[in-house]
Protein backbone atom coordinates (compact mmCIF):
# COMPACT_ATOMS: atom_id res chain seq x y z
CA UNK A 1 160.89 36.22 95.16
CA UNK A 2 162.88 35.48 92.33
CA UNK A 3 161.38 34.85 88.84
CA UNK A 4 164.70 33.93 86.89
CA UNK A 5 163.21 32.43 84.47
CA UNK A 6 160.41 34.98 82.55
CA UNK A 7 161.05 38.37 83.28
CA UNK A 8 164.96 37.87 84.84
CA UNK A 9 162.76 40.13 87.87
CA UNK A 10 162.65 40.16 92.01
CA UNK A 11 159.76 41.44 94.25
CA UNK A 12 160.07 41.81 97.49
CA UNK A 13 156.54 42.54 99.56
CA UNK A 14 155.85 43.59 102.73
CA UNK A 15 153.16 44.78 104.06
CA UNK A 16 152.29 48.03 102.62
CA UNK A 17 155.38 47.75 100.35
CA UNK A 18 156.63 46.71 97.29
CA UNK A 19 159.62 46.61 95.90
CA UNK A 20 160.77 45.66 92.29
CA UNK A 21 163.86 45.00 90.11
CA UNK A 22 165.07 43.76 86.96
CA UNK A 23 168.18 41.54 86.44
CA UNK A 24 170.62 44.68 84.94
CA UNK A 25 168.07 47.19 84.40
CA UNK A 26 168.99 50.77 85.87
CA UNK A 27 165.40 51.36 87.45
CA UNK A 28 163.49 49.46 90.06
CA UNK A 29 160.21 50.31 91.13
CA UNK A 30 158.62 51.32 94.38
CA UNK A 31 154.82 50.90 95.46
CA UNK A 32 154.75 50.83 91.54
CA UNK A 33 156.84 54.56 91.12
CA UNK A 34 159.63 54.51 88.66
CA UNK A 35 163.38 55.25 90.02
CA UNK A 36 166.82 55.08 88.43
CA UNK A 37 169.49 53.21 90.00
CA UNK A 38 173.46 53.66 90.44
CA UNK A 39 173.85 49.58 90.10
CA UNK A 40 172.24 47.13 88.07
CA UNK A 41 171.07 43.62 89.87
CA UNK A 42 173.07 40.99 89.25
CA UNK A 43 173.52 37.10 88.65
CA UNK A 44 177.22 35.25 89.29
CA UNK A 45 178.05 32.53 87.26
CA UNK A 46 177.45 30.58 91.38
CA UNK A 47 173.60 32.30 90.54
CA UNK A 48 173.63 34.33 93.14
CA UNK A 49 171.73 37.52 92.84
CA UNK A 50 172.26 40.62 93.81
CA UNK A 51 170.80 43.71 95.20
CA UNK A 52 171.87 47.57 96.18
CA UNK A 53 171.21 46.66 100.02
CA UNK A 54 171.35 50.77 100.36
CA UNK A 55 167.86 51.47 97.30
CA UNK A 56 165.89 48.49 99.25
CA UNK A 57 166.70 49.93 103.09
CA UNK A 58 166.00 53.18 102.05
CA UNK A 59 163.12 52.28 99.82
CA UNK A 60 162.06 50.45 103.19
CA UNK A 61 162.72 53.57 105.46
CA UNK A 62 166.08 53.02 107.32
CA UNK A 63 169.01 55.20 107.09
CA UNK A 64 172.10 54.18 106.06
CA UNK A 65 174.80 55.01 106.71
CA UNK A 66 178.67 54.59 106.20
CA UNK A 67 181.65 54.65 107.68
CA UNK A 68 184.69 55.61 106.01
CA UNK A 69 187.71 54.45 107.57
CA UNK A 70 186.38 50.92 109.21
CA UNK A 71 184.62 50.55 106.17
CA UNK A 72 181.35 49.93 108.17
CA UNK A 73 177.42 50.43 106.84
CA UNK A 74 175.19 50.50 109.45
CA UNK A 75 171.95 49.80 108.45
CA UNK A 76 168.73 51.43 111.14
CA UNK A 77 165.05 50.93 110.76
CA UNK A 78 162.60 52.83 113.49
């Protein structure tokens, strides 16, 4: 859920997982625990919001791998 007007934050929830990120901020929370991001979430002029997919995937328990030769990211869930 995007709350752009009041807090400029995005909240993703599923079962017992809650991830909150704020536009242009290097801090995020997962189930209330604070983490430092390597890249801030940002919005484009076309009003699209981009977030760090590796952070979200790993917070959700997925494994992320990168094939540097093929330039392909693979996200594996249980």
